[in-house]
C-alpha atoms as a PDB file:
ATOM      1  CA  MET A   1      43.145  55.399  88.514  1.00  0.00           C
ATOM      2  CA  GLY A   2      42.234  56.115  84.823  1.00  0.00           C
ATOM      3  CA  VAL A   3      44.464  57.822  82.390  1.00  0.00           C
ATOM      4  CA  GLN A   4      43.223  61.135  81.227  1.00  0.00           C
ATOM      5  CA  PHE A   5      43.803  62.256  77.698  1.00  0.00           C
ATOM      6  CA  ASN A   6      43.979  65.777  76.564  1.00  0.00           C
ATOM      7  CA  LYS A   7      41.002  66.806  74.224  1.00  0.00           C
ATOM      8  CA  LYS A   8      41.894  67.513  70.678  1.00  0.00           C
ATOM      9  CA  PRO A   9      41.426  71.170  69.826  1.00  0.00           C
ATOM     10  CA  SER A  10      38.353  72.034  68.083  1.00  0.00           C
ATOM     11  CA  TRP A  11      38.322  73.811  64.668  1.00  0.00           C
ATOM     12  CA  LYS A  12      36.943  76.844  66.326  1.00  0.00           C
ATOM     13  CA  HIS A  13      40.156  77.074  68.514  1.00  0.00           C
ATOM     14  CA  LEU A  14      42.544  76.348  65.608  1.00  0.00           C
ATOM     15  CA  PHE A  15      40.826  78.936  63.454  1.00  0.00           C
ATOM     16  CA  LEU A  16      41.042  81.602  66.395  1.00  0.00           C
ATOM     17  CA  GLY A  17      44.578  80.779  66.963  1.00  0.00           C
ATOM     18  CA  LEU A  18      45.424  80.997  63.145  1.00  0.00           C
ATOM     19  CA  ALA A  19      43.576  84.240  63.080  1.00  0.00           C
ATOM     20  CA  GLY A  20      45.406  85.499  66.097  1.00  0.00           C
ATOM     21  CA  ALA A  21      48.779  84.702  64.538  1.00  0.00           C
ATOM     22  CA  ASN A  22      47.890  86.430  61.273  1.00  0.00           C
ATOM     23  CA  GLY A  23      46.734  89.525  63.158  1.00  0.00           C
ATOM     24  CA  ILE A  24      50.043  89.725  65.210  1.00  0.00           C
ATOM     25  CA  LEU A  25      51.922  89.413  61.802  1.00  0.00           C
ATOM     26  CA  LEU A  26      49.849  92.102  60.403  1.00  0.00           C
ATOM     27  CA  ILE A  27      50.568  94.418  63.241  1.00  0.00           C
ATOM     28  CA  LEU A  28      54.285  93.791  63.016  1.00  0.00           C
ATOM     29  CA  PHE A  29      54.270  94.545  59.182  1.00  0.00           C
ATOM     30  CA  PHE A  30      52.565  97.908  59.786  1.00  0.00           C
ATOM     31  CA  VAL A  31      54.856  98.656  62.643  1.00  0.00           C
ATOM     32  CA  LEU A  32      57.837  98.166  60.467  1.00  0.00           C
ATOM     33  CA  LEU A  33      56.235  99.794  57.581  1.00  0.00           C
ATOM     34  CA  LEU A  34      55.338 103.047  59.436  1.00  0.00           C
ATOM     35  CA  TRP A  35      58.621 103.035  61.593  1.00  0.00           C
ATOM     36  CA  PRO A  36      60.607 106.230  60.700  1.00  0.00           C
ATOM     37  CA  VAL A  37      63.716 105.788  58.596  1.00  0.00           C
ATOM     38  CA  SER A  38      67.003 107.399  59.917  1.00  0.00           C
ATOM     39  CA  ASP A  39      68.446 110.106  57.673  1.00  0.00           C
ATOM     40  CA  SER A  40      71.383 109.105  55.513  1.00  0.00           C
ATOM     41  CA  GLU A  41      73.967 111.370  53.864  1.00  0.00           C
ATOM     42  CA  MET A  42      73.536 112.707  50.480  1.00  0.00           C
ATOM     43  CA  PRO A  43      76.234 111.797  47.964  1.00  0.00           C
ATOM     44  CA  GLU A  44      78.927 114.444  47.753  1.00  0.00           C
ATOM     45  CA  LYS A  45      78.559 116.612  44.602  1.00  0.00           C
ATOM     46  CA  ALA A  46      81.638 116.362  42.526  1.00  0.00           C
ATOM     47  CA  PHE A  47      82.459 118.537  39.401  1.00  0.00           C
ATOM     48  CA  ILE A  48      84.584 116.577  36.921  1.00  0.00           C
ATOM     49  CA  GLU A  49      85.701 119.755  35.352  1.00  0.00           C
ATOM     50  CA  GLU A  50      87.945 120.244  38.273  1.00  0.00           C
ATOM     51  CA  GLU A  51      90.212 117.337  37.364  1.00  0.00           C
ATOM     52  CA  PRO A  52      92.584 117.672  34.348  1.00  0.00           C
ATOM     53  CA  GLY A  53      91.962 115.336  31.529  1.00  0.00           C
ATOM     54  CA  ALA A  54      90.060 114.814  28.135  1.00  0.00           C
ATOM     55  CA  GLU A  55      86.428 115.012  27.808  1.00  0.00           C
ATOM     56  CA  PHE A  56      84.156 113.131  25.483  1.00  0.00           C
ATOM     57  CA  THR A  57      80.454 113.236  24.744  1.00  0.00           C
ATOM     58  CA  VAL A  58      78.610 110.047  24.584  1.00  0.00           C
ATOM     59  CA  ASN A  59      75.108 109.504  23.267  1.00  0.00           C
ATOM     60  CA  SER A  60      72.939 106.858  24.407  1.00  0.00           C
ATOM     61  CA  SER A  61      69.228 105.582  24.003  1.00  0.00           C
ATOM     62  CA  LYS A  62      66.528 104.438  26.342  1.00  0.00           C
ATOM     63  CA  GLN A  63      66.968 100.858  25.173  1.00  0.00           C
ATOM     64  CA  ASN A  64      70.816 100.857  25.891  1.00  0.00           C
ATOM     65  CA  LEU A  65      70.106 102.601  29.236  1.00  0.00           C
ATOM     66  CA  ASN A  66      67.627  99.944  30.103  1.00  0.00           C
ATOM     67  CA  GLU A  67      70.104  97.253  29.441  1.00  0.00           C
ATOM     68  CA  LEU A  68      73.083  98.855  31.230  1.00  0.00           C
ATOM     69  CA  VAL A  69      71.162  99.753  34.420  1.00  0.00           C
ATOM     70  CA  ASN A  70      69.278  96.623  34.785  1.00  0.00           C
ATOM     71  CA  GLU A  71      72.397  94.546  34.372  1.00  0.00           C
ATOM     72  CA  TYR A  72      74.083  96.621  37.120  1.00  0.00           C
ATOM     73  CA  VAL A  73      70.994  96.222  39.438  1.00  0.00           C
ATOM     74  CA  ASP A  74      70.939  92.529  38.842  1.00  0.00           C
ATOM     75  CA  LYS A  75      74.676  92.268  39.860  1.00  0.00           C
ATOM     76  CA  PHE A  76      74.665  94.712  42.658  1.00  0.00           C
ATOM     77  CA  MET A  77      71.697  93.233  44.340  1.00  0.00           C
ATOM     78  CA  ASN A  78      72.463  89.560  43.269  1.00  0.00           C
ATOM     79  CA  ASP A  79      68.940  89.752  41.758  1.00  0.00           C
ATOM     80  CA  GLN A  80      68.878  86.488  39.903  1.00  0.00           C
ATOM     81  CA  GLY A  81      65.022  86.456  39.474  1.00  0.00           C
ATOM     82  CA  ASP A  82      64.761  90.000  38.097  1.00  0.00           C
ATOM     83  CA  LYS A  83      62.815  91.027  41.206  1.00  0.00           C
ATOM     84  CA  TYR A  84      63.668  94.717  40.580  1.00  0.00           C
ATOM     85  CA  THR A  85      63.459  96.458  37.252  1.00  0.00           C
ATOM     86  CA  VAL A  86      64.189 100.031  36.164  1.00  0.00           C
ATOM     87  CA  ASP A  87      62.286 100.993  33.141  1.00  0.00           C
ATOM     88  CA  PHE A  88      63.148 103.989  30.875  1.00  0.00           C
ATOM     89  CA  GLY A  89      60.576 103.181  28.239  1.00  0.00           C
ATOM     90  CA  GLY A  90      58.256 106.045  28.637  1.00  0.00           C
ATOM     91  CA  GLU A  91      58.645 109.820  29.334  1.00  0.00           C
ATOM     92  CA  ASN A  92      59.796 109.110  33.041  1.00  0.00           C
ATOM     93  CA  VAL A  93      61.680 106.546  35.021  1.00  0.00           C
ATOM     94  CA  ARG A  94      59.825 103.561  36.552  1.00  0.00           C
ATOM     95  CA  LEU A  95      60.894 101.431  39.444  1.00  0.00           C
ATOM     96  CA  LEU A  96      59.110  98.129  39.487  1.00  0.00           C
ATOM     97  CA  GLY A  97      59.556  95.385  42.095  1.00  0.00           C
ATOM     98  CA  SER A  98      58.040  93.497  44.868  1.00  0.00           C
ATOM     99  CA  ILE A  99      58.441  92.808  48.718  1.00  0.00           C
ATOM    100  CA  ASP A 100      57.871  89.568  50.539  1.00  0.00           C
ATOM    101  CA  ALA A 101      55.185  89.653  53.242  1.00  0.00           C
ATOM    102  CA  PHE A 102      52.909  86.878  54.659  1.00  0.00           C
ATOM    103  CA  GLN A 103      54.380  84.387  52.187  1.00  0.00           C
ATOM    104  CA  THR A 104      53.341  86.347  49.231  1.00  0.00           C
ATOM    105  CA  GLU A 105      54.838  89.126  47.118  1.00  0.00           C
ATOM    106  CA  ILE A 106      53.312  92.656  47.168  1.00  0.00           C
ATOM    107  CA  PRO A 107      54.119  94.644  44.035  1.00  0.00           C
ATOM    108  CA  ILE A 108      55.791  98.115  44.226  1.00  0.00           C
ATOM    109  CA  SER A 109      55.588 100.633  41.440  1.00  0.00           C
ATOM    110  CA  ILE A 110      57.224 104.086  41.554  1.00  0.00           C
ATOM    111  CA  THR A 111      57.187 106.575  38.568  1.00  0.00           C
ATOM    112  CA  LEU A 112      60.019 109.259  38.819  1.00  0.00           C
ATOM    113  CA  GLU A 113      60.590 112.451  36.898  1.00  0.00           C
ATOM    114  CA  PRO A 114      64.425 112.971  36.135  1.00  0.00           C
ATOM    115  CA  LEU A 115      66.025 116.360  36.486  1.00  0.00           C
ATOM    116  CA  VAL A 116      69.753 116.837  35.651  1.00  0.00           C
ATOM    117  CA  GLN A 117      71.791 118.801  38.337  1.00  0.00           C
ATOM    118  CA  GLU A 118      74.252 121.533  37.541  1.00  0.00           C
ATOM    119  CA  ASN A 119      77.233 119.140  38.267  1.00  0.00           C
ATOM    120  CA  GLY A 120      75.847 116.308  36.204  1.00  0.00           C
ATOM    121  CA  ASP A 121      74.272 114.291  38.910  1.00  0.00           C
ATOM    122  CA  LEU A 122      70.549 113.180  38.499  1.00  0.00           C
ATOM    123  CA  VAL A 123      67.600 113.588  40.865  1.00  0.00           C
ATOM    124  CA  LEU A 124      64.525 111.421  40.258  1.00  0.00           C
ATOM    125  CA  TYR A 125      61.355 113.125  41.899  1.00  0.00           C
ATOM    126  CA  THR A 126      58.459 110.770  42.499  1.00  0.00           C
ATOM    127  CA  SER A 127      55.120 111.487  40.628  1.00  0.00           C
ATOM    128  CA  GLU A 128      53.217 108.284  41.440  1.00  0.00           C
ATOM    129  CA  MET A 129      53.746 105.377  43.925  1.00  0.00           C
ATOM    130  CA  SER A 130      51.929 102.220  44.966  1.00  0.00           C
ATOM    131  CA  LEU A 131      52.426  99.356  47.402  1.00  0.00           C
ATOM    132  CA  GLY A 132      50.110  96.713  46.289  1.00  0.00           C
ATOM    133  CA  LEU A 133      46.547  97.620  47.352  1.00  0.00           C
ATOM    134  CA  LEU A 134      47.668  99.322  50.503  1.00  0.00           C
ATOM    135  CA  GLN A 135      46.490 103.000  50.912  1.00  0.00           C
ATOM    136  CA  LEU A 136      49.508 104.667  52.447  1.00  0.00           C
ATOM    137  CA  PRO A 137      51.040 108.064  52.179  1.00  0.00           C
ATOM    138  CA  GLU A 138      53.772 108.258  49.506  1.00  0.00           C
ATOM    139  CA  LYS A 139      56.327 109.329  51.908  1.00  0.00           C
ATOM    140  CA  LYS A 140      55.700 106.026  53.883  1.00  0.00           C
ATOM    141  CA  ILE A 141      56.069 103.892  50.797  1.00  0.00           C
ATOM    142  CA  LEU A 142      59.441 105.435  49.980  1.00  0.00           C
ATOM    143  CA  GLU A 143      60.461 105.034  53.542  1.00  0.00           C
ATOM    144  CA  TYR A 144      59.672 101.415  53.259  1.00  0.00           C
ATOM    145  CA  VAL A 145      61.469 101.051  49.791  1.00  0.00           C
ATOM    146  CA  LYS A 146      64.613 102.638  51.510  1.00  0.00           C
ATOM    147  CA  LYS A 147      64.531 100.034  54.237  1.00  0.00           C
ATOM    148  CA  GLU A 148      64.201  97.025  51.755  1.00  0.00           C
ATOM    149  CA  LEU A 149      66.223  98.212  48.790  1.00  0.00           C
ATOM    150  CA  GLU A 150      69.946  97.904  48.906  1.00  0.00           C
ATOM    151  CA  THR A 151      71.611 100.869  47.127  1.00  0.00           C
ATOM    152  CA  PRO A 152      75.243 101.810  46.406  1.00  0.00           C
ATOM    153  CA  ASP A 153      76.715 104.755  48.294  1.00  0.00           C
ATOM    154  CA  TRP A 154      76.215 107.174  45.465  1.00  0.00           C
ATOM    155  CA  VAL A 155      72.492 106.666  45.360  1.00  0.00           C
ATOM    156  CA  ASN A 156      70.237 108.212  48.233  1.00  0.00           C
ATOM    157  CA  ILE A 157      66.518 107.715  48.686  1.00  0.00           C
ATOM    158  CA  ASP A 158      65.207 110.675  50.552  1.00  0.00           C
ATOM    159  CA  PRO A 159      61.391 110.087  51.749  1.00  0.00           C
ATOM    160  CA  SER A 160      61.148 113.596  53.071  1.00  0.00           C
ATOM    161  CA  SER A 161      61.536 115.294  49.551  1.00  0.00           C
ATOM    162  CA  GLN A 162      60.102 112.199  47.918  1.00  0.00           C
ATOM    163  CA  SER A 163      63.217 111.889  45.654  1.00  0.00           C
ATOM    164  CA  ILE A 164      66.069 109.682  44.801  1.00  0.00           C
ATOM    165  CA  TYR A 165      69.481 111.432  44.369  1.00  0.00           C
ATOM    166  CA  ILE A 166      71.710 109.591  41.877  1.00  0.00           C
ATOM    167  CA  GLY A 167      75.299 110.782  42.429  1.00  0.00           C
ATOM    168  CA  VAL A 168      76.568 109.890  38.863  1.00  0.00           C
ATOM    169  CA  THR A 169      79.798 111.800  39.391  1.00  0.00           C
ATOM    170  CA  GLU A 170      80.565 109.574  42.330  1.00  0.00           C
ATOM    171  CA  MET A 171      80.093 106.343  40.683  1.00  0.00           C
ATOM    172  CA  GLU A 172      83.115 104.050  40.972  1.00  0.00           C
ATOM    173  CA  VAL A 173      84.345 103.101  37.527  1.00  0.00           C
ATOM    174  CA  LYS A 174      87.131 100.501  37.234  1.00  0.00           C
ATOM    175  CA  SER A 175      88.806 102.570  34.472  1.00  0.00           C
ATOM    176  CA  ASN A 176      88.794 105.722  36.778  1.00  0.00           C
ATOM    177  CA  PHE A 177      86.902 107.564  34.209  1.00  0.00           C
ATOM    178  CA  LYS A 178      84.464 110.224  35.550  1.00  0.00           C
ATOM    179  CA  VAL A 179      80.903 110.566  34.242  1.00  0.00           C
ATOM    180  CA  LYS A 180      78.295 113.202  34.314  1.00  0.00           C
ATOM    181  CA  VAL A 181      74.792 113.607  32.767  1.00  0.00           C
ATOM    182  CA  GLN A 182      74.550 116.281  30.158  1.00  0.00           C
ATOM    183  CA  SER A 183      71.003 115.686  29.055  1.00  0.00           C
ATOM    184  CA  PHE A 184      68.256 113.266  29.977  1.00  0.00           C
ATOM    185  CA  ASP A 185      65.363 113.763  27.910  1.00  0.00           C
ATOM    186  CA  LEU A 186      63.439 110.488  27.820  1.00  0.00           C
ATOM    187  CA  LYS A 187      60.476 111.810  25.820  1.00  0.00           C
ATOM    188  CA  ASN A 188      62.698 112.518  22.791  1.00  0.00           C
ATOM    189  CA  ASP A 189      65.118 109.620  23.621  1.00  0.00           C
ATOM    190  CA  GLN A 190      68.122 112.249  23.876  1.00  0.00           C
ATOM    191  CA  ILE A 191      70.401 111.030  26.544  1.00  0.00           C
ATOM    192  CA  THR A 192      73.837 112.378  26.676  1.00  0.00           C
ATOM    193  CA  PHE A 193      76.714 111.717  29.043  1.00  0.00           C
ATOM    194  CA  ARG A 194      80.027 113.678  29.388  1.00  0.00           C
ATOM    195  CA  ILE A 195      83.095 111.240  29.993  1.00  0.00           C
ATOM    196  CA  LYS A 196      86.254 112.446  31.511  1.00  0.00           C
ATOM    197  CA  VAL A 197      89.582 110.644  31.159  1.00  0.00           C
ATOM    198  CA  PRO A 198      91.888 111.965  33.882  1.00  0.00           C
ATOM    199  CA  ASN A 199      95.518 112.659  32.741  1.00  0.00           C
ATOM    200  CA  LYS A 200      96.710 110.257  35.533  1.00  0.00           C
ATOM    201  CA  THR A 201      94.855 107.618  34.147  1.00  0.00           C
ATOM    202  CA  LEU A 202      97.014 107.845  30.949  1.00  0.00           C
ATOM    203  CA  GLY A 203     100.109 108.219  32.850  1.00  0.00           C
ATOM    204  CA  LEU A 204     100.422 111.915  31.997  1.00  0.00           C
END
């Protein structure tokens, strides 16, 4: 009785198998991309005036803010390769980065217009967004960014209002200082913060 050997798959079968696998991955990618994101709680609005202490005004520049914020992003996200960058160079804020899909990186670019809140927090409203060459609704792009981007508790990405809420007054500072935004005029490079030093920090 002769021994039968399995025939080697032809290039057509290999091509169809590869195409099918890529098709499944593509479907999974869009399912994850379009899957609705659960709502998260907005950071609680705090008013630093309610706590007794001394207040100081600190002026900054776009260059200093660039260095400070991106240093924080690198450490918080363990972003050794500078995958994500926040840019304050123009009139608005820009979030630049990339996501990994199909063994390649898809670039993300979001332009945001800042608006100072009455308590000193900051809301960034999206004006332009892109996810590679994909033609997607801006809300869906922000939903995907919310899934992929790790943020501290005092930052909330809200796809429904297409905004990012920065709870500056809720930031945890080792010195126990409290911070609020007083002005955030990127066009004229006028950025001002109010710093409160609570009396209890000084032992008073």
